[in-house]
Amino acid sequence: RRREELREAISKAKITDQAICDTMTYAADMRRGLENPDYEAKRQLLELFEVLVIVHKRRFSVKSAIGTWDGEIRRIPRGNEKSGAVTDSCP
């Protein structure tokens, strides 16, 4: 019964060319914004995905709406260093 209701709802849905254009424009804007996000954009993404980071005794755990992963902190980078900070087991 539910499957029939969903099929009917989908068959009635109309996706206009304007809706497609608006969606593509939004996606392009998001992509540009994510290439070099400022502090506020990063904060909004962390809130959007409900990110929680727990650090305890050289181990970290990241829990979010899109998954959970754990890892070991090998060393904390200084200044503008970007490499070698952590090892992890991402999903």
Protein backbone atom coordinates (compact mmCIF):
# COMPACT_ATOMS: atom_id res chain seq x y z
CA ARG A 1 0.00 0.00 0.00
CA ARG A 2 2.72 2.48 0.99
CA ARG A 3 4.69 1.68 -2.16
CA GLU A 4 1.66 2.49 -4.28
CA GLU A 5 1.20 5.81 -2.45
CA LEU A 6 4.84 6.73 -3.06
CA ARG A 7 4.66 5.79 -6.74
CA GLU A 8 1.57 7.93 -7.14
CA ALA A 9 3.18 10.89 -5.37
CA ILE A 10 6.31 10.61 -7.52
CA SER A 11 4.32 10.36 -10.73
CA LYS A 12 2.46 13.58 -9.83
CA ALA A 13 5.64 15.50 -8.97
CA LYS A 14 6.70 17.92 -11.65
CA ILE A 15 10.28 19.04 -11.91
CA THR A 16 10.46 22.16 -14.00
CA ASP A 17 13.41 23.41 -16.00
CA GLN A 18 13.54 26.37 -13.61
CA ALA A 19 13.76 24.06 -10.58
CA ILE A 20 16.63 22.19 -12.24
CA CYS A 21 18.37 25.48 -13.08
CA ASP A 22 17.92 26.77 -9.51
CA THR A 23 19.29 23.53 -8.08
CA MET A 24 22.33 23.63 -10.37
CA THR A 25 22.97 27.28 -9.47
CA TYR A 26 22.73 26.46 -5.76
CA ALA A 27 25.14 23.53 -6.15
CA ALA A 28 27.65 25.72 -8.00
CA ASP A 29 27.41 28.40 -5.29
CA MET A 30 27.96 25.78 -2.59
CA ARG A 31 30.96 24.34 -4.44
CA ARG A 32 32.56 27.79 -4.74
CA GLY A 33 31.91 28.48 -1.07
CA LEU A 34 33.51 25.21 -0.01
CA GLU A 35 36.70 25.71 -2.02
CA ASN A 36 38.07 28.22 0.48
CA PRO A 37 35.62 28.47 3.39
CA ASP A 38 35.97 31.16 6.03
CA TYR A 39 35.56 30.49 9.74
CA GLU A 40 31.80 31.12 9.67
CA ALA A 41 31.23 28.70 6.76
CA LYS A 42 33.25 26.00 8.53
CA ARG A 43 31.27 26.52 11.73
CA GLN A 44 27.96 26.29 9.85
CA LEU A 45 29.01 23.01 8.21
CA LEU A 46 30.05 21.54 11.56
CA GLU A 47 26.65 22.46 12.97
CA LEU A 48 24.79 21.22 9.89
CA PHE A 49 26.41 17.79 10.13
CA GLU A 50 26.15 17.72 13.95
CA VAL A 51 29.88 17.08 14.35
CA LEU A 52 31.16 16.04 17.78
CA VAL A 53 34.89 15.53 18.29
CA ILE A 54 36.22 13.78 21.39
CA VAL A 55 39.95 13.67 22.14
CA HIS A 56 41.32 11.45 24.90
CA LYS A 57 44.86 10.21 25.50
CA ARG A 58 46.20 10.64 21.97
CA ARG A 59 43.04 9.16 20.40
CA PHE A 60 40.18 10.97 18.69
CA SER A 61 36.64 10.08 17.82
CA VAL A 62 34.51 12.05 15.37
CA LYS A 63 30.76 11.49 15.38
CA SER A 64 28.47 13.20 12.90
CA ALA A 65 25.29 12.89 10.89
CA ILE A 66 27.31 11.36 8.04
CA GLY A 67 29.32 8.81 10.00
CA THR A 68 31.71 8.03 12.82
CA TRP A 69 35.43 7.42 12.73
CA ASP A 70 38.29 7.06 15.19
CA GLY A 71 42.01 7.52 14.99
CA GLU A 72 45.26 8.19 16.76
CA ILE A 73 46.86 11.60 17.11
CA ARG A 74 50.50 11.21 16.13
CA ARG A 75 51.45 14.85 16.64
CA ILE A 76 49.79 18.20 16.63
CA PRO A 77 50.95 20.44 13.76
CA ARG A 78 52.24 23.93 14.45
CA GLY A 79 51.30 27.06 12.55
CA ASN A 80 50.46 26.33 8.93
CA GLU A 81 51.57 22.69 8.93
CA LYS A 82 48.96 20.48 7.34
CA SER A 83 50.46 17.03 6.99
CA GLY A 84 51.08 14.18 9.37
CA ALA A 85 48.67 15.28 12.07
CA VAL A 86 46.55 12.17 12.47
CA THR A 87 45.99 8.65 11.27
CA ASP A 88 42.44 7.48 11.07
CA SER A 89 40.12 4.77 9.95
CA CYS A 90 37.54 6.72 7.95
CA PRO A 91 34.49 4.81 6.73
